[in-house]
Amino acid sequence: MLDTEFKEITGLTKKEYADKHNLNYGSFRSHLARGKCSLGFGRGKYDMSHPLFRTYRGILVRCYQKNYLQYHNYGGRGIKMCGRWFYSFDAFVEDMGPRPGPEYSIDRVDNDGWYGPDNCRWATRKEQSNNRRDKPCISGHRYIRYSGGRFKIWSIYPSINGACQYLGATFCLEEAIKIRDKFLKEKNG
């Protein structure tokens, strides 16, 4: 986390925060940089053994760890964790309540909004698939994705009844269109 982001959230520099809370500055800074702690973690009634800790840690990593593979979809788009949760794992647990079942994970109602009690809920994969942000179709053709880079591959992913199905990939856009159209014609009769 950048010093400016930290000061914006806390009103203090990292050094001032560490001094105020009697923390070893070097260890605190190192753990924060690696996403291993939030500002309020470790001083409450819940600890790392809590079933929601992995979810909480995952949010921190997505929002603040720049070397995380999907950072560009979260922190890179300005999505952060609200101050209440960032300061306190306990607050996160109290606000979210227990996970309803193993098939549930955290979901942001507004995909451009922060992680916080007013914007998060427990949802199934199916519920989450209905709450995705639209990504631009680079190919200009529905259900066909372009993978640039060295090999320039066109992949075919039609969606039937909300389920995405991989049909294969080709080096030629026209061939990808034919494969997609044939599949859709067979499915739709």
N, C-alpha and C. Protein backbone atom coordinates (compact mmCIF):
# COMPACT_ATOMS: atom_id res chain seq x y z
N MET A 1 0.85 -1.17 0.00
CA MET A 1 0.00 0.00 0.00
C MET A 1 0.90 1.24 0.00
N LEU A 2 0.57 2.18 -0.84
CA LEU A 2 1.34 3.41 -0.90
C LEU A 2 1.18 4.22 0.37
N ASP A 3 2.22 4.99 0.71
CA ASP A 3 2.15 5.83 1.90
C ASP A 3 0.99 6.83 1.81
N THR A 4 0.75 7.35 0.60
CA THR A 4 -0.34 8.32 0.44
C THR A 4 -1.70 7.67 0.68
N GLU A 5 -1.88 6.43 0.19
CA GLU A 5 -3.14 5.71 0.43
C GLU A 5 -3.32 5.45 1.92
N PHE A 6 -2.23 5.04 2.57
CA PHE A 6 -2.27 4.74 3.99
C PHE A 6 -2.68 5.97 4.78
N LYS A 7 -2.06 7.10 4.46
CA LYS A 7 -2.36 8.34 5.18
C LYS A 7 -3.78 8.80 4.90
N GLU A 8 -4.25 8.57 3.68
CA GLU A 8 -5.62 8.95 3.32
C GLU A 8 -6.63 8.16 4.16
N ILE A 9 -6.35 6.87 4.39
CA ILE A 9 -7.27 6.02 5.15
C ILE A 9 -7.17 6.29 6.64
N THR A 10 -5.93 6.42 7.15
CA THR A 10 -5.74 6.51 8.61
C THR A 10 -5.57 7.92 9.13
N GLY A 11 -5.13 8.83 8.27
CA GLY A 11 -4.82 10.17 8.75
C GLY A 11 -3.43 10.25 9.37
N LEU A 12 -2.69 9.14 9.35
CA LEU A 12 -1.36 9.07 9.93
C LEU A 12 -0.39 8.45 8.93
N THR A 13 0.90 8.74 9.10
CA THR A 13 1.89 8.02 8.31
C THR A 13 2.03 6.63 8.91
N LYS A 14 2.67 5.71 8.20
CA LYS A 14 2.86 4.35 8.73
C LYS A 14 3.66 4.39 10.03
N LYS A 15 4.68 5.24 10.07
CA LYS A 15 5.52 5.37 11.27
C LYS A 15 4.69 5.88 12.44
N GLU A 16 3.90 6.93 12.21
CA GLU A 16 3.04 7.49 13.27
C GLU A 16 2.03 6.45 13.77
N TYR A 17 1.47 5.67 12.84
CA TYR A 17 0.50 4.64 13.22
C TYR A 17 1.17 3.58 14.08
N ALA A 18 2.35 3.11 13.65
CA ALA A 18 3.08 2.08 14.40
C ALA A 18 3.42 2.58 15.80
N ASP A 19 3.89 3.82 15.91
CA ASP A 19 4.22 4.39 17.22
C ASP A 19 2.98 4.49 18.12
N LYS A 20 1.88 4.96 17.54
CA LYS A 20 0.64 5.15 18.30
C LYS A 20 0.13 3.84 18.89
N HIS A 21 0.34 2.73 18.15
CA HIS A 21 -0.19 1.43 18.58
C HIS A 21 0.89 0.49 19.12
N ASN A 22 2.04 1.07 19.45
CA ASN A 22 3.15 0.30 20.03
C ASN A 22 3.53 -0.91 19.17
N LEU A 23 3.64 -0.71 17.86
CA LEU A 23 4.02 -1.77 16.94
C LEU A 23 5.46 -1.56 16.48
N ASN A 24 6.14 -2.66 16.19
CA ASN A 24 7.47 -2.55 15.60
C ASN A 24 7.29 -2.03 14.18
N TYR A 25 7.84 -0.86 13.89
CA TYR A 25 7.60 -0.20 12.61
C TYR A 25 8.04 -1.06 11.42
N GLY A 26 9.22 -1.65 11.49
CA GLY A 26 9.73 -2.46 10.37
C GLY A 26 8.86 -3.66 10.09
N SER A 27 8.48 -4.39 11.14
CA SER A 27 7.63 -5.57 10.96
C SER A 27 6.25 -5.19 10.46
N PHE A 28 5.69 -4.13 11.04
CA PHE A 28 4.36 -3.67 10.63
C PHE A 28 4.36 -3.30 9.15
N ARG A 29 5.35 -2.51 8.74
CA ARG A 29 5.44 -2.06 7.34
C ARG A 29 5.61 -3.25 6.40
N SER A 30 6.45 -4.21 6.78
CA SER A 30 6.69 -5.38 5.96
C SER A 30 5.44 -6.23 5.81
N HIS A 31 4.75 -6.47 6.93
CA HIS A 31 3.52 -7.27 6.89
C HIS A 31 2.43 -6.57 6.08
N LEU A 32 2.31 -5.27 6.24
CA LEU A 32 1.30 -4.51 5.50
C LEU A 32 1.59 -4.57 4.01
N ALA A 33 2.86 -4.43 3.63
CA ALA A 33 3.24 -4.46 2.21
C ALA A 33 2.95 -5.81 1.58
N ARG A 34 3.06 -6.88 2.34
CA ARG A 34 2.81 -8.22 1.81
C ARG A 34 1.36 -8.64 1.99
N GLY A 35 0.51 -7.74 2.48
CA GLY A 35 -0.91 -8.05 2.65
C GLY A 35 -1.17 -9.00 3.79
N LYS A 36 -0.24 -9.11 4.74
CA LYS A 36 -0.40 -10.06 5.84
C LYS A 36 -1.12 -9.47 7.03
N CYS A 37 -1.42 -8.20 7.02
CA CYS A 37 -2.20 -7.65 8.12
C CYS A 37 -2.98 -6.44 7.64
N SER A 38 -4.03 -6.16 8.34
CA SER A 38 -4.74 -4.91 8.11
C SER A 38 -4.47 -4.07 9.35
N LEU A 39 -4.98 -2.89 9.36
CA LEU A 39 -4.66 -2.00 10.47
C LEU A 39 -5.25 -2.46 11.78
N GLY A 40 -6.39 -3.13 11.74
CA GLY A 40 -7.04 -3.53 12.98
C GLY A 40 -6.91 -4.99 13.31
N PHE A 41 -6.20 -5.75 12.50
CA PHE A 41 -6.15 -7.19 12.73
C PHE A 41 -5.23 -7.53 13.90
N GLY A 42 -5.66 -8.49 14.69
CA GLY A 42 -4.81 -9.02 15.74
C GLY A 42 -5.10 -8.45 17.12
N ARG A 43 -5.95 -7.45 17.23
CA ARG A 43 -6.22 -6.88 18.55
C ARG A 43 -7.68 -7.07 18.95
N GLY A 44 -8.38 -7.95 18.27
CA GLY A 44 -9.79 -8.14 18.57
C GLY A 44 -10.08 -9.53 19.09
N LYS A 45 -11.35 -9.90 19.04
CA LYS A 45 -11.72 -11.20 19.59
C LYS A 45 -11.55 -12.33 18.57
N TYR A 46 -11.42 -12.01 17.28
CA TYR A 46 -11.25 -13.04 16.26
C TYR A 46 -9.80 -13.08 15.79
N ASP A 47 -9.34 -14.27 15.40
CA ASP A 47 -7.96 -14.39 14.93
C ASP A 47 -7.90 -15.13 13.60
N MET A 48 -6.69 -15.50 13.16
CA MET A 48 -6.49 -16.12 11.86
C MET A 48 -7.16 -17.49 11.73
N SER A 49 -7.55 -18.11 12.83
CA SER A 49 -8.21 -19.41 12.75
C SER A 49 -9.71 -19.28 12.43
N HIS A 50 -10.21 -18.05 12.44
CA HIS A 50 -11.64 -17.83 12.15
C HIS A 50 -11.93 -18.24 10.71
N PRO A 51 -13.08 -18.89 10.45
CA PRO A 51 -13.40 -19.35 9.09
C PRO A 51 -13.47 -18.25 8.04
N LEU A 52 -13.70 -17.00 8.44
CA LEU A 52 -13.78 -15.92 7.45
C LEU A 52 -12.44 -15.23 7.20
N PHE A 53 -11.39 -15.65 7.89
CA PHE A 53 -10.12 -14.95 7.74
C PHE A 53 -9.58 -15.05 6.32
N ARG A 54 -9.71 -16.21 5.67
CA ARG A 54 -9.21 -16.34 4.28
C ARG A 54 -9.95 -15.39 3.35
N THR A 55 -11.24 -15.23 3.55
CA THR A 55 -12.02 -14.30 2.73
C THR A 55 -11.52 -12.88 2.95
N TYR A 56 -11.34 -12.52 4.20
CA TYR A 56 -10.86 -11.17 4.57
C TYR A 56 -9.48 -10.92 3.96
N ARG A 57 -8.59 -11.87 4.13
CA ARG A 57 -7.23 -11.74 3.59
C ARG A 57 -7.28 -11.64 2.07
N GLY A 58 -8.16 -12.40 1.44
CA GLY A 58 -8.31 -12.34 -0.02
C GLY A 58 -8.70 -10.95 -0.51
N ILE A 59 -9.59 -10.30 0.23
CA ILE A 59 -9.98 -8.93 -0.14
C ILE A 59 -8.78 -8.01 -0.04
N LEU A 60 -8.03 -8.12 1.04
CA LEU A 60 -6.84 -7.27 1.21
C LEU A 60 -5.86 -7.47 0.06
N VAL A 61 -5.63 -8.72 -0.30
CA VAL A 61 -4.68 -9.01 -1.38
C VAL A 61 -5.19 -8.44 -2.70
N ARG A 62 -6.47 -8.67 -3.03
CA ARG A 62 -7.03 -8.16 -4.29
C ARG A 62 -6.96 -6.65 -4.38
N CYS A 63 -7.16 -5.98 -3.25
CA CYS A 63 -7.24 -4.51 -3.27
C CYS A 63 -5.90 -3.80 -3.10
N TYR A 64 -4.94 -4.42 -2.42
CA TYR A 64 -3.73 -3.68 -2.06
C TYR A 64 -2.42 -4.30 -2.52
N GLN A 65 -2.41 -5.54 -2.96
CA GLN A 65 -1.15 -6.18 -3.33
C GLN A 65 -0.96 -6.10 -4.84
N LYS A 66 -0.11 -5.17 -5.27
CA LYS A 66 0.05 -4.87 -6.69
C LYS A 66 0.60 -6.04 -7.51
N ASN A 67 1.29 -6.98 -6.88
CA ASN A 67 1.82 -8.12 -7.65
C ASN A 67 0.82 -9.28 -7.74
N TYR A 68 -0.38 -9.12 -7.19
CA TYR A 68 -1.43 -10.13 -7.31
C TYR A 68 -1.91 -10.15 -8.76
N LEU A 69 -2.07 -11.35 -9.32
CA LEU A 69 -2.40 -11.52 -10.73
C LEU A 69 -3.64 -10.74 -11.16
N GLN A 70 -4.68 -10.68 -10.33
CA GLN A 70 -5.92 -10.00 -10.70
C GLN A 70 -6.04 -8.60 -10.08
N TYR A 71 -4.94 -8.04 -9.60
CA TYR A 71 -4.97 -6.70 -8.98
C TYR A 71 -5.62 -5.68 -9.91
N HIS A 72 -5.35 -5.77 -11.20
CA HIS A 72 -5.90 -4.79 -12.15
C HIS A 72 -7.43 -4.78 -12.16
N ASN A 73 -8.07 -5.89 -11.74
CA ASN A 73 -9.53 -5.94 -11.69
C ASN A 73 -10.10 -5.41 -10.37
N TYR A 74 -9.25 -5.14 -9.40
CA TYR A 74 -9.69 -4.70 -8.08
C TYR A 74 -8.98 -3.40 -7.70
N GLY A 75 -7.89 -3.50 -6.97
CA GLY A 75 -7.16 -2.31 -6.55
C GLY A 75 -6.75 -1.42 -7.71
N GLY A 76 -6.41 -2.02 -8.83
CA GLY A 76 -6.02 -1.26 -10.02
C GLY A 76 -7.16 -0.44 -10.59
N ARG A 77 -8.40 -0.80 -10.27
CA ARG A 77 -9.57 -0.03 -10.71
C ARG A 77 -10.07 0.91 -9.61
N GLY A 78 -9.30 0.99 -8.52
CA GLY A 78 -9.67 1.89 -7.44
C GLY A 78 -10.56 1.26 -6.38
N ILE A 79 -10.76 -0.06 -6.44
CA ILE A 79 -11.60 -0.74 -5.45
C ILE A 79 -10.76 -1.01 -4.21
N LYS A 80 -11.26 -0.60 -3.08
CA LYS A 80 -10.57 -0.75 -1.80
C LYS A 80 -11.51 -1.38 -0.79
N MET A 81 -11.00 -1.55 0.42
CA MET A 81 -11.82 -2.03 1.53
C MET A 81 -12.20 -0.80 2.35
N CYS A 82 -13.44 -0.73 2.81
CA CYS A 82 -13.86 0.42 3.61
C CYS A 82 -12.99 0.52 4.88
N GLY A 83 -12.89 1.71 5.42
CA GLY A 83 -12.06 1.93 6.59
C GLY A 83 -12.46 1.06 7.78
N ARG A 84 -13.75 0.90 7.99
CA ARG A 84 -14.22 0.09 9.13
C ARG A 84 -13.65 -1.32 9.07
N TRP A 85 -13.70 -1.95 7.89
CA TRP A 85 -13.18 -3.30 7.75
C TRP A 85 -11.65 -3.31 7.71
N PHE A 86 -11.08 -2.32 7.04
CA PHE A 86 -9.62 -2.28 6.93
C PHE A 86 -9.00 -2.17 8.32
N TYR A 87 -9.63 -1.41 9.19
CA TYR A 87 -9.13 -1.24 10.55
C TYR A 87 -9.41 -2.44 11.44
N SER A 88 -10.44 -3.24 11.11
CA SER A 88 -10.88 -4.24 12.07
C SER A 88 -11.44 -5.50 11.41
N PHE A 89 -10.76 -6.61 11.59
CA PHE A 89 -11.27 -7.91 11.15
C PHE A 89 -12.56 -8.23 11.91
N ASP A 90 -12.60 -7.85 13.18
CA ASP A 90 -13.80 -8.07 13.99
C ASP A 90 -15.02 -7.41 13.35
N ALA A 91 -14.85 -6.18 12.87
CA ALA A 91 -15.96 -5.46 12.23
C ALA A 91 -16.42 -6.19 10.97
N PHE A 92 -15.46 -6.72 10.20
CA PHE A 92 -15.80 -7.49 9.01
C PHE A 92 -16.66 -8.69 9.38
N VAL A 93 -16.24 -9.46 10.39
CA VAL A 93 -16.97 -10.64 10.83
C VAL A 93 -18.37 -10.26 11.33
N GLU A 94 -18.46 -9.20 12.12
CA GLU A 94 -19.75 -8.78 12.66
C GLU A 94 -20.69 -8.28 11.57
N ASP A 95 -20.16 -7.55 10.60
CA ASP A 95 -21.00 -7.01 9.53
C ASP A 95 -21.49 -8.08 8.56
N MET A 96 -20.61 -9.01 8.20
CA MET A 96 -20.97 -10.03 7.20
C MET A 96 -21.72 -11.20 7.81
N GLY A 97 -21.49 -11.49 9.08
CA GLY A 97 -22.12 -12.65 9.68
C GLY A 97 -21.50 -13.93 9.13
N PRO A 98 -21.96 -15.08 9.59
CA PRO A 98 -21.38 -16.33 9.12
C PRO A 98 -21.71 -16.60 7.65
N ARG A 99 -20.81 -17.31 6.99
CA ARG A 99 -21.05 -17.72 5.60
C ARG A 99 -22.22 -18.71 5.62
N PRO A 100 -23.26 -18.50 4.80
CA PRO A 100 -24.44 -19.37 4.83
C PRO A 100 -24.16 -20.83 4.49
N GLY A 101 -23.13 -21.08 3.71
CA GLY A 101 -22.78 -22.44 3.31
C GLY A 101 -21.50 -22.42 2.51
N PRO A 102 -20.92 -23.58 2.24
CA PRO A 102 -19.63 -23.62 1.54
C PRO A 102 -19.70 -23.11 0.10
N GLU A 103 -20.89 -23.10 -0.49
CA GLU A 103 -21.03 -22.65 -1.87
C GLU A 103 -21.14 -21.12 -1.99
N TYR A 104 -21.09 -20.42 -0.87
CA TYR A 104 -21.21 -18.96 -0.86
C TYR A 104 -19.84 -18.30 -0.75
N SER A 105 -19.71 -17.17 -1.42
CA SER A 105 -18.51 -16.34 -1.28
C SER A 105 -18.94 -14.88 -1.27
N ILE A 106 -18.01 -14.02 -0.94
CA ILE A 106 -18.35 -12.60 -0.82
C ILE A 106 -18.57 -12.00 -2.21
N ASP A 107 -19.55 -11.12 -2.32
CA ASP A 107 -19.91 -10.50 -3.58
C ASP A 107 -20.19 -9.02 -3.34
N ARG A 108 -19.69 -8.18 -4.24
CA ARG A 108 -20.00 -6.75 -4.17
C ARG A 108 -21.24 -6.48 -5.02
N VAL A 109 -22.26 -5.88 -4.45
CA VAL A 109 -23.50 -5.58 -5.16
C VAL A 109 -23.21 -4.63 -6.32
N ASP A 110 -22.46 -3.56 -6.04
CA ASP A 110 -22.00 -2.63 -7.08
C ASP A 110 -20.56 -3.00 -7.40
N ASN A 111 -20.32 -3.54 -8.58
CA ASN A 111 -19.00 -4.02 -8.93
C ASN A 111 -17.94 -2.92 -9.02
N ASP A 112 -18.36 -1.69 -9.06
CA ASP A 112 -17.40 -0.58 -9.06
C ASP A 112 -17.24 0.01 -7.66
N GLY A 113 -17.96 -0.52 -6.69
CA GLY A 113 -17.91 -0.01 -5.33
C GLY A 113 -16.89 -0.73 -4.48
N TRP A 114 -16.60 -0.16 -3.33
CA TRP A 114 -15.63 -0.71 -2.39
C TRP A 114 -16.20 -1.92 -1.67
N TYR A 115 -15.31 -2.68 -1.03
CA TYR A 115 -15.74 -3.74 -0.12
C TYR A 115 -16.15 -3.08 1.19
N GLY A 116 -17.39 -3.20 1.57
CA GLY A 116 -17.89 -2.61 2.80
C GLY A 116 -19.26 -3.17 3.13
N PRO A 117 -19.77 -2.92 4.33
CA PRO A 117 -21.04 -3.52 4.76
C PRO A 117 -22.24 -3.13 3.91
N ASP A 118 -22.21 -1.95 3.31
CA ASP A 118 -23.34 -1.51 2.49
C ASP A 118 -23.31 -2.06 1.07
N ASN A 119 -22.18 -2.67 0.68
CA ASN A 119 -22.03 -3.11 -0.70
C ASN A 119 -21.69 -4.59 -0.83
N CYS A 120 -21.65 -5.33 0.26
CA CYS A 120 -21.26 -6.74 0.19
C CYS A 120 -22.34 -7.66 0.71
N ARG A 121 -22.35 -8.86 0.18
CA ARG A 121 -23.31 -9.88 0.58
C ARG A 121 -22.67 -11.24 0.34
N TRP A 122 -23.28 -12.29 0.88
CA TRP A 122 -22.87 -13.66 0.57
C TRP A 122 -23.70 -14.09 -0.63
N ALA A 123 -23.05 -14.66 -1.65
CA ALA A 123 -23.77 -15.07 -2.86
C ALA A 123 -23.17 -16.35 -3.43
N THR A 124 -24.01 -17.09 -4.14
CA THR A 124 -23.54 -18.30 -4.83
C THR A 124 -22.89 -17.90 -6.15
N ARG A 125 -22.22 -18.84 -6.79
CA ARG A 125 -21.60 -18.57 -8.10
C ARG A 125 -22.64 -18.10 -9.11
N LYS A 126 -23.80 -18.75 -9.09
CA LYS A 126 -24.85 -18.38 -10.04
C LYS A 126 -25.31 -16.94 -9.81
N GLU A 127 -25.52 -16.57 -8.55
CA GLU A 127 -25.92 -15.19 -8.24
C GLU A 127 -24.82 -14.21 -8.67
N GLN A 128 -23.58 -14.59 -8.45
CA GLN A 128 -22.47 -13.71 -8.82
C GLN A 128 -22.34 -13.58 -10.33
N SER A 129 -22.64 -14.65 -11.06
CA SER A 129 -22.52 -14.57 -12.52
C SER A 129 -23.54 -13.60 -13.12
N ASN A 130 -24.62 -13.35 -12.41
CA ASN A 130 -25.60 -12.36 -12.86
C ASN A 130 -25.21 -10.94 -12.46
N ASN A 131 -24.12 -10.82 -11.72
CA ASN A 131 -23.70 -9.52 -11.19
C ASN A 131 -22.27 -9.20 -11.65
N ARG A 132 -21.99 -9.44 -12.91
CA ARG A 132 -20.65 -9.18 -13.44
C ARG A 132 -20.63 -7.88 -14.20
N ARG A 133 -19.48 -7.23 -14.18
CA ARG A 133 -19.37 -6.02 -14.99
C ARG A 133 -19.17 -6.44 -16.43
N ASP A 134 -19.72 -5.67 -17.33
CA ASP A 134 -19.57 -5.99 -18.74
C ASP A 134 -18.16 -5.65 -19.19
N LYS A 135 -17.54 -6.63 -19.83
CA LYS A 135 -16.22 -6.40 -20.41
C LYS A 135 -16.42 -6.17 -21.90
N PRO A 136 -15.68 -5.24 -22.46
CA PRO A 136 -15.86 -4.99 -23.88
C PRO A 136 -15.46 -6.21 -24.70
N CYS A 137 -16.22 -6.49 -25.75
CA CYS A 137 -15.92 -7.61 -26.64
C CYS A 137 -14.94 -7.11 -27.68
N ILE A 138 -13.68 -7.44 -27.49
CA ILE A 138 -12.63 -6.93 -28.37
C ILE A 138 -12.79 -7.45 -29.79
N SER A 139 -13.28 -8.68 -29.93
CA SER A 139 -13.40 -9.27 -31.27
C SER A 139 -14.51 -8.59 -32.07
N GLY A 140 -15.49 -8.01 -31.38
CA GLY A 140 -16.64 -7.44 -32.06
C GLY A 140 -17.69 -8.49 -32.38
N HIS A 141 -17.44 -9.73 -31.97
CA HIS A 141 -18.36 -10.84 -32.25
C HIS A 141 -18.74 -11.50 -30.93
N ARG A 142 -20.03 -11.65 -30.71
CA ARG A 142 -20.52 -12.23 -29.47
C ARG A 142 -20.00 -13.65 -29.28
N TYR A 143 -19.59 -13.96 -28.06
CA TYR A 143 -19.08 -15.28 -27.65
C TYR A 143 -17.70 -15.62 -28.20
N ILE A 144 -17.03 -14.67 -28.80
CA ILE A 144 -15.69 -14.94 -29.32
C ILE A 144 -14.71 -13.98 -28.67
N ARG A 145 -13.68 -14.56 -28.06
CA ARG A 145 -12.67 -13.76 -27.36
C ARG A 145 -11.35 -13.83 -28.11
N TYR A 146 -10.66 -12.72 -28.11
CA TYR A 146 -9.35 -12.64 -28.77
C TYR A 146 -8.25 -12.65 -27.72
N SER A 147 -7.30 -13.55 -27.87
CA SER A 147 -6.13 -13.59 -26.99
C SER A 147 -4.95 -13.10 -27.81
N GLY A 148 -4.57 -11.88 -27.58
CA GLY A 148 -3.45 -11.31 -28.33
C GLY A 148 -2.15 -11.99 -27.95
N GLY A 149 -1.09 -11.29 -28.12
CA GLY A 149 0.20 -11.86 -27.78
C GLY A 149 0.82 -12.56 -28.97
N ARG A 150 1.65 -13.51 -28.66
CA ARG A 150 2.47 -14.17 -29.68
C ARG A 150 1.64 -14.97 -30.69
N PHE A 151 0.59 -15.64 -30.23
CA PHE A 151 -0.12 -16.57 -31.12
C PHE A 151 -1.43 -16.06 -31.70
N LYS A 152 -1.97 -14.98 -31.19
CA LYS A 152 -3.21 -14.39 -31.72
C LYS A 152 -4.31 -15.44 -31.94
N ILE A 153 -4.90 -15.87 -30.83
CA ILE A 153 -5.88 -16.95 -30.86
C ILE A 153 -7.29 -16.41 -30.62
N TRP A 154 -8.27 -16.94 -31.35
CA TRP A 154 -9.68 -16.63 -31.18
C TRP A 154 -10.32 -17.80 -30.45
N SER A 155 -10.89 -17.57 -29.27
CA SER A 155 -11.52 -18.63 -28.48
C SER A 155 -13.03 -18.45 -28.52
N ILE A 156 -13.73 -19.58 -28.55
CA ILE A 156 -15.19 -19.55 -28.65
C ILE A 156 -15.78 -20.00 -27.32
N TYR A 157 -16.58 -19.09 -26.69
CA TYR A 157 -17.20 -19.33 -25.38
C TYR A 157 -18.68 -18.95 -25.41
N PRO A 158 -19.54 -19.74 -26.06
CA PRO A 158 -20.97 -19.37 -26.02
C PRO A 158 -21.56 -19.59 -24.64
N SER A 159 -22.59 -18.83 -24.33
CA SER A 159 -23.28 -18.94 -23.04
C SER A 159 -24.67 -19.50 -23.29
N ILE A 160 -24.93 -20.63 -22.67
CA ILE A 160 -26.24 -21.27 -22.81
C ILE A 160 -26.87 -21.35 -21.42
N ASN A 161 -28.03 -20.75 -21.25
CA ASN A 161 -28.73 -20.72 -19.96
C ASN A 161 -27.84 -20.21 -18.84
N GLY A 162 -27.04 -19.20 -19.11
CA GLY A 162 -26.17 -18.60 -18.10
C GLY A 162 -24.87 -19.33 -17.86
N ALA A 163 -24.67 -20.49 -18.50
CA ALA A 163 -23.42 -21.24 -18.31
C ALA A 163 -22.52 -21.05 -19.52
N CYS A 164 -21.29 -20.67 -19.28
CA CYS A 164 -20.33 -20.45 -20.33
C CYS A 164 -19.69 -21.79 -20.71
N GLN A 165 -19.59 -22.06 -21.99
CA GLN A 165 -19.04 -23.34 -22.45
C GLN A 165 -17.90 -23.06 -23.43
N TYR A 166 -16.75 -23.67 -23.19
CA TYR A 166 -15.59 -23.51 -24.06
C TYR A 166 -15.69 -24.49 -25.22
N LEU A 167 -15.68 -23.97 -26.46
CA LEU A 167 -15.78 -24.84 -27.63
C LEU A 167 -14.44 -25.08 -28.31
N GLY A 168 -13.46 -24.29 -27.98
CA GLY A 168 -12.16 -24.46 -28.62
C GLY A 168 -11.59 -23.13 -29.04
N ALA A 169 -10.46 -23.21 -29.77
CA ALA A 169 -9.78 -22.00 -30.21
C ALA A 169 -9.21 -22.23 -31.61
N THR A 170 -9.03 -21.14 -32.31
CA THR A 170 -8.50 -21.20 -33.67
C THR A 170 -7.67 -19.94 -33.94
N PHE A 171 -6.86 -20.01 -34.96
CA PHE A 171 -6.04 -18.85 -35.34
C PHE A 171 -6.78 -17.92 -36.30
N CYS A 172 -7.97 -18.32 -36.73
CA CYS A 172 -8.71 -17.58 -37.76
C CYS A 172 -10.07 -17.13 -37.22
N LEU A 173 -10.36 -15.85 -37.29
CA LEU A 173 -11.64 -15.31 -36.81
C LEU A 173 -12.82 -15.91 -37.56
N GLU A 174 -12.71 -16.03 -38.88
CA GLU A 174 -13.81 -16.56 -39.68
C GLU A 174 -14.16 -18.00 -39.25
N GLU A 175 -13.13 -18.79 -38.95
CA GLU A 175 -13.36 -20.16 -38.50
C GLU A 175 -14.04 -20.17 -37.13
N ALA A 176 -13.65 -19.26 -36.25
CA ALA A 176 -14.28 -19.16 -34.93
C ALA A 176 -15.75 -18.81 -35.06
N ILE A 177 -16.08 -17.92 -35.97
CA ILE A 177 -17.47 -17.53 -36.21
C ILE A 177 -18.28 -18.72 -36.71
N LYS A 178 -17.71 -19.51 -37.62
CA LYS A 178 -18.40 -20.70 -38.13
C LYS A 178 -18.67 -21.71 -37.02
N ILE A 179 -17.67 -21.95 -36.16
CA ILE A 179 -17.83 -22.89 -35.05
C ILE A 179 -18.93 -22.42 -34.11
N ARG A 180 -18.90 -21.13 -33.77
CA ARG A 180 -19.92 -20.56 -32.88
C ARG A 180 -21.31 -20.69 -33.49
N ASP A 181 -21.44 -20.28 -34.76
CA ASP A 181 -22.75 -20.31 -35.42
C ASP A 181 -23.31 -21.73 -35.53
N LYS A 182 -22.44 -22.69 -35.83
CA LYS A 182 -22.86 -24.09 -35.93
C LYS A 182 -23.38 -24.58 -34.57
N PHE A 183 -22.64 -24.27 -33.53
CA PHE A 183 -23.04 -24.69 -32.19
C PHE A 183 -24.37 -24.07 -31.79
N LEU A 184 -24.53 -22.76 -32.01
CA LEU A 184 -25.78 -22.08 -31.64
C LEU A 184 -26.97 -22.59 -32.44
N LYS A 185 -26.73 -22.90 -33.72
CA LYS A 185 -27.80 -23.43 -34.56
C LYS A 185 -28.26 -24.79 -34.05
N GLU A 186 -27.30 -25.66 -33.65
CA GLU A 186 -27.64 -26.97 -33.12
C GLU A 186 -28.38 -26.86 -31.78
N LYS A 187 -27.96 -25.92 -30.93
CA LYS A 187 -28.59 -25.76 -29.62
C LYS A 187 -29.99 -25.16 -29.71
N ASN A 188 -30.15 -24.23 -30.66
CA ASN A 188 -31.44 -23.54 -30.80
C ASN A 188 -32.40 -24.24 -31.76
N GLY A 189 -31.90 -25.24 -32.43
CA GLY A 189 -32.74 -26.04 -33.32
C GLY A 189 -33.01 -25.42 -34.59
